[in-house]
Amino acid sequence: MDVNTRVSGDNQTLIVDIGEKFDFSKVEAFRAAYKDLPSGINHISVDLAKTEYMDSSALGMLLNMQKALTGKDLTYSIVNARPPVARILQISRFDKKFTLR
């Protein structure tokens, strides 16, 4: 499954759905997901509900997203992470850069 995006009902949040694996194979698809933000977007939510595996390149992609969007008035969250993935995020201190839900 590729990276899929959708906009919330209020047109303010871009939701980026990640498939079972969040690894280097998703670099281009993940970058394309946030490249051309629709107008009115003020929040990006990365949904890891289906993600069973995440490696260090995924952590880098998340940080690169924030760096690429510097200067835009955006907030970020990572949602629905399964316990093993949530643990990786917590150990890596991603709760300091993203809201984890």
N, C-alpha and C. Protein backbone atom coordinates (compact mmCIF):
# COMPACT_ATOMS: atom_id res chain seq x y z
N MET A 1 0.84 -1.18 0.00
CA MET A 1 0.00 0.00 0.00
C MET A 1 0.88 1.23 0.00
N ASP A 2 0.53 2.17 -0.83
CA ASP A 2 1.27 3.41 -0.90
C ASP A 2 0.84 4.37 0.19
N VAL A 3 1.43 5.52 0.16
CA VAL A 3 1.05 6.61 1.04
C VAL A 3 -0.16 7.29 0.43
N ASN A 4 -1.22 7.46 1.22
CA ASN A 4 -2.44 8.10 0.73
C ASN A 4 -2.72 9.35 1.55
N THR A 5 -3.31 10.34 0.92
CA THR A 5 -3.66 11.56 1.63
C THR A 5 -5.14 11.86 1.47
N ARG A 6 -5.64 12.57 2.46
CA ARG A 6 -7.02 13.07 2.40
C ARG A 6 -7.07 14.33 3.24
N VAL A 7 -8.06 15.13 3.00
CA VAL A 7 -8.26 16.37 3.74
C VAL A 7 -9.44 16.18 4.67
N SER A 8 -9.31 16.68 5.89
CA SER A 8 -10.38 16.55 6.88
C SER A 8 -11.63 17.29 6.41
N GLY A 9 -12.75 17.00 7.04
CA GLY A 9 -14.02 17.61 6.68
C GLY A 9 -14.03 19.12 6.80
N ASP A 10 -13.23 19.67 7.71
CA ASP A 10 -13.18 21.13 7.87
C ASP A 10 -12.14 21.78 6.96
N ASN A 11 -11.50 20.98 6.11
CA ASN A 11 -10.49 21.44 5.15
C ASN A 11 -9.28 22.10 5.78
N GLN A 12 -8.98 21.77 7.04
CA GLN A 12 -7.84 22.37 7.72
C GLN A 12 -6.71 21.39 8.00
N THR A 13 -6.98 20.09 7.91
CA THR A 13 -5.97 19.08 8.23
C THR A 13 -5.72 18.18 7.03
N LEU A 14 -4.43 18.02 6.70
CA LEU A 14 -4.03 17.05 5.71
C LEU A 14 -3.68 15.78 6.47
N ILE A 15 -4.36 14.69 6.16
CA ILE A 15 -4.12 13.41 6.81
C ILE A 15 -3.32 12.55 5.85
N VAL A 16 -2.16 12.09 6.31
CA VAL A 16 -1.27 11.25 5.50
C VAL A 16 -1.32 9.84 6.07
N ASP A 17 -1.93 8.93 5.35
CA ASP A 17 -2.05 7.54 5.77
C ASP A 17 -0.86 6.75 5.26
N ILE A 18 -0.18 6.08 6.17
CA ILE A 18 0.97 5.25 5.84
C ILE A 18 0.53 3.80 5.88
N GLY A 19 1.04 3.00 4.99
CA GLY A 19 0.68 1.58 4.93
C GLY A 19 1.37 0.77 6.01
N GLU A 20 1.53 -0.53 5.76
CA GLU A 20 2.08 -1.45 6.75
C GLU A 20 3.53 -1.16 7.09
N LYS A 21 4.31 -0.71 6.11
CA LYS A 21 5.73 -0.41 6.34
C LYS A 21 5.99 1.06 6.09
N PHE A 22 6.71 1.67 7.02
CA PHE A 22 7.15 3.06 6.84
C PHE A 22 8.67 2.99 6.84
N ASP A 23 9.22 2.87 5.62
CA ASP A 23 10.65 2.72 5.47
C ASP A 23 11.12 3.47 4.23
N PHE A 24 12.38 3.28 3.88
CA PHE A 24 12.99 4.04 2.78
C PHE A 24 12.23 3.90 1.47
N SER A 25 11.53 2.81 1.27
CA SER A 25 10.79 2.62 0.02
C SER A 25 9.66 3.64 -0.15
N LYS A 26 9.32 4.35 0.92
CA LYS A 26 8.22 5.32 0.87
C LYS A 26 8.70 6.78 0.72
N VAL A 27 10.00 6.98 0.53
CA VAL A 27 10.54 8.34 0.50
C VAL A 27 9.81 9.23 -0.50
N GLU A 28 9.75 8.82 -1.74
CA GLU A 28 9.15 9.67 -2.78
C GLU A 28 7.65 9.87 -2.56
N ALA A 29 6.95 8.81 -2.21
CA ALA A 29 5.50 8.91 -1.98
C ALA A 29 5.20 9.81 -0.79
N PHE A 30 6.01 9.70 0.27
CA PHE A 30 5.78 10.53 1.45
C PHE A 30 6.05 11.99 1.12
N ARG A 31 7.12 12.26 0.42
CA ARG A 31 7.44 13.64 0.04
C ARG A 31 6.34 14.23 -0.84
N ALA A 32 5.83 13.44 -1.77
CA ALA A 32 4.77 13.92 -2.65
C ALA A 32 3.48 14.21 -1.88
N ALA A 33 3.27 13.53 -0.77
CA ALA A 33 2.04 13.70 0.01
C ALA A 33 1.88 15.12 0.55
N TYR A 34 2.98 15.78 0.87
CA TYR A 34 2.88 17.12 1.44
C TYR A 34 3.47 18.21 0.54
N LYS A 35 3.91 17.84 -0.64
CA LYS A 35 4.57 18.79 -1.53
C LYS A 35 3.68 19.96 -1.90
N ASP A 36 2.49 19.71 -2.34
CA ASP A 36 1.56 20.77 -2.76
C ASP A 36 0.37 20.79 -1.82
N LEU A 37 0.52 21.50 -0.71
CA LEU A 37 -0.56 21.55 0.28
C LEU A 37 -1.75 22.34 -0.25
N PRO A 38 -2.94 21.81 -0.08
CA PRO A 38 -4.13 22.59 -0.44
C PRO A 38 -4.21 23.85 0.43
N SER A 39 -4.80 24.90 -0.08
CA SER A 39 -4.92 26.13 0.71
C SER A 39 -5.83 25.86 1.91
N GLY A 40 -5.56 26.55 3.00
CA GLY A 40 -6.35 26.41 4.21
C GLY A 40 -5.84 25.36 5.17
N ILE A 41 -4.87 24.57 4.75
CA ILE A 41 -4.32 23.53 5.63
C ILE A 41 -3.46 24.19 6.71
N ASN A 42 -3.74 23.86 7.97
CA ASN A 42 -2.91 24.39 9.06
C ASN A 42 -2.39 23.27 9.97
N HIS A 43 -2.68 22.03 9.62
CA HIS A 43 -2.23 20.90 10.43
C HIS A 43 -1.97 19.70 9.53
N ILE A 44 -0.91 18.97 9.83
CA ILE A 44 -0.63 17.72 9.13
C ILE A 44 -0.65 16.60 10.15
N SER A 45 -1.44 15.59 9.87
CA SER A 45 -1.58 14.43 10.74
C SER A 45 -1.09 13.19 9.99
N VAL A 46 -0.07 12.53 10.53
CA VAL A 46 0.44 11.31 9.94
C VAL A 46 -0.21 10.14 10.67
N ASP A 47 -1.01 9.38 9.95
CA ASP A 47 -1.79 8.28 10.53
C ASP A 47 -1.04 6.96 10.35
N LEU A 48 -0.65 6.37 11.49
CA LEU A 48 0.11 5.12 11.47
C LEU A 48 -0.74 3.92 11.90
N ALA A 49 -2.03 3.99 11.73
CA ALA A 49 -2.93 2.92 12.18
C ALA A 49 -2.59 1.57 11.54
N LYS A 50 -2.13 1.56 10.31
CA LYS A 50 -1.84 0.31 9.60
C LYS A 50 -0.36 -0.06 9.66
N THR A 51 0.45 0.81 10.24
CA THR A 51 1.90 0.63 10.21
C THR A 51 2.36 -0.37 11.27
N GLU A 52 2.99 -1.45 10.80
CA GLU A 52 3.52 -2.47 11.69
C GLU A 52 5.04 -2.39 11.80
N TYR A 53 5.68 -1.73 10.84
CA TYR A 53 7.13 -1.63 10.82
C TYR A 53 7.54 -0.22 10.47
N MET A 54 8.50 0.30 11.23
CA MET A 54 9.03 1.64 10.98
C MET A 54 10.53 1.59 11.25
N ASP A 55 11.31 2.16 10.34
CA ASP A 55 12.75 2.17 10.57
C ASP A 55 13.26 3.60 10.71
N SER A 56 14.57 3.74 10.84
CA SER A 56 15.15 5.06 11.08
C SER A 56 14.95 6.01 9.91
N SER A 57 14.84 5.49 8.70
CA SER A 57 14.60 6.38 7.57
C SER A 57 13.22 7.04 7.67
N ALA A 58 12.26 6.37 8.26
CA ALA A 58 10.94 6.96 8.48
C ALA A 58 11.04 8.13 9.44
N LEU A 59 11.85 7.97 10.47
CA LEU A 59 12.05 9.08 11.41
C LEU A 59 12.66 10.27 10.68
N GLY A 60 13.62 9.99 9.82
CA GLY A 60 14.23 11.05 9.02
C GLY A 60 13.23 11.72 8.10
N MET A 61 12.34 10.95 7.51
CA MET A 61 11.33 11.52 6.61
C MET A 61 10.40 12.47 7.36
N LEU A 62 10.04 12.09 8.58
CA LEU A 62 9.18 12.97 9.38
C LEU A 62 9.89 14.29 9.68
N LEU A 63 11.16 14.22 10.05
CA LEU A 63 11.91 15.44 10.32
C LEU A 63 12.11 16.27 9.05
N ASN A 64 12.37 15.60 7.93
CA ASN A 64 12.53 16.32 6.67
C ASN A 64 11.24 17.02 6.25
N MET A 65 10.09 16.43 6.56
CA MET A 65 8.82 17.07 6.25
C MET A 65 8.73 18.40 7.00
N GLN A 66 9.04 18.37 8.28
CA GLN A 66 8.98 19.61 9.06
C GLN A 66 9.96 20.64 8.52
N LYS A 67 11.14 20.20 8.17
CA LYS A 67 12.16 21.11 7.64
C LYS A 67 11.71 21.71 6.31
N ALA A 68 11.15 20.88 5.44
CA ALA A 68 10.70 21.34 4.12
C ALA A 68 9.56 22.35 4.24
N LEU A 69 8.79 22.26 5.30
CA LEU A 69 7.62 23.13 5.47
C LEU A 69 7.88 24.28 6.44
N THR A 70 9.15 24.48 6.80
CA THR A 70 9.51 25.59 7.67
C THR A 70 9.02 26.90 7.05
N GLY A 71 8.49 27.77 7.87
CA GLY A 71 7.98 29.04 7.39
C GLY A 71 6.48 29.03 7.16
N LYS A 72 5.90 27.85 7.10
CA LYS A 72 4.44 27.75 6.99
C LYS A 72 3.88 27.60 8.40
N ASP A 73 2.74 28.16 8.64
CA ASP A 73 2.12 28.12 9.96
C ASP A 73 1.36 26.80 10.12
N LEU A 74 2.11 25.74 10.46
CA LEU A 74 1.54 24.40 10.56
C LEU A 74 1.84 23.77 11.91
N THR A 75 0.94 22.89 12.33
CA THR A 75 1.20 22.01 13.46
C THR A 75 1.20 20.59 12.93
N TYR A 76 1.78 19.68 13.73
CA TYR A 76 1.96 18.31 13.27
C TYR A 76 1.55 17.33 14.35
N SER A 77 0.98 16.20 13.92
CA SER A 77 0.70 15.13 14.87
C SER A 77 0.94 13.78 14.19
N ILE A 78 1.22 12.81 15.04
CA ILE A 78 1.32 11.41 14.60
C ILE A 78 0.24 10.68 15.39
N VAL A 79 -0.67 10.02 14.67
CA VAL A 79 -1.82 9.42 15.34
C VAL A 79 -1.91 7.93 15.07
N ASN A 80 -2.60 7.25 15.98
CA ASN A 80 -2.96 5.83 15.85
C ASN A 80 -1.78 4.88 15.74
N ALA A 81 -0.64 5.24 16.33
CA ALA A 81 0.52 4.35 16.27
C ALA A 81 0.28 3.13 17.14
N ARG A 82 0.57 1.97 16.60
CA ARG A 82 0.48 0.72 17.36
C ARG A 82 1.59 0.73 18.42
N PRO A 83 1.43 -0.03 19.50
CA PRO A 83 2.40 0.02 20.59
C PRO A 83 3.88 -0.11 20.20
N PRO A 84 4.27 -1.05 19.32
CA PRO A 84 5.70 -1.12 18.98
C PRO A 84 6.21 0.13 18.26
N VAL A 85 5.38 0.68 17.38
CA VAL A 85 5.76 1.89 16.65
C VAL A 85 5.74 3.09 17.59
N ALA A 86 4.76 3.15 18.47
CA ALA A 86 4.69 4.25 19.44
C ALA A 86 5.94 4.24 20.33
N ARG A 87 6.41 3.07 20.66
CA ARG A 87 7.61 2.96 21.50
C ARG A 87 8.83 3.53 20.77
N ILE A 88 8.97 3.24 19.49
CA ILE A 88 10.06 3.80 18.70
C ILE A 88 10.00 5.32 18.71
N LEU A 89 8.80 5.86 18.54
CA LEU A 89 8.63 7.32 18.53
C LEU A 89 8.98 7.92 19.88
N GLN A 90 8.58 7.28 20.95
CA GLN A 90 8.87 7.79 22.29
C GLN A 90 10.35 7.70 22.61
N ILE A 91 10.98 6.58 22.30
CA ILE A 91 12.41 6.41 22.55
C ILE A 91 13.21 7.45 21.76
N SER A 92 12.75 7.75 20.55
CA SER A 92 13.43 8.72 19.69
C SER A 92 13.06 10.16 20.04
N ARG A 93 12.24 10.33 21.06
CA ARG A 93 11.82 11.64 21.56
C ARG A 93 11.03 12.47 20.53
N PHE A 94 10.28 11.78 19.70
CA PHE A 94 9.47 12.47 18.71
C PHE A 94 8.28 13.18 19.34
N ASP A 95 8.01 12.90 20.60
CA ASP A 95 6.95 13.63 21.30
C ASP A 95 7.34 15.08 21.52
N LYS A 96 8.61 15.43 21.31
CA LYS A 96 9.07 16.81 21.44
C LYS A 96 8.82 17.61 20.15
N LYS A 97 8.69 16.92 19.02
CA LYS A 97 8.50 17.60 17.73
C LYS A 97 7.08 17.45 17.19
N PHE A 98 6.38 16.40 17.62
CA PHE A 98 5.05 16.09 17.14
C PHE A 98 4.13 15.83 18.33
N THR A 99 2.86 16.09 18.14
CA THR A 99 1.88 15.64 19.12
C THR A 99 1.60 14.18 18.79
N LEU A 100 1.76 13.31 19.78
CA LEU A 100 1.50 11.88 19.57
C LEU A 100 0.14 11.55 20.16
N ARG A 101 -0.73 11.00 19.36
CA ARG A 101 -2.08 10.63 19.81
C ARG A 101 -2.36 9.20 19.48
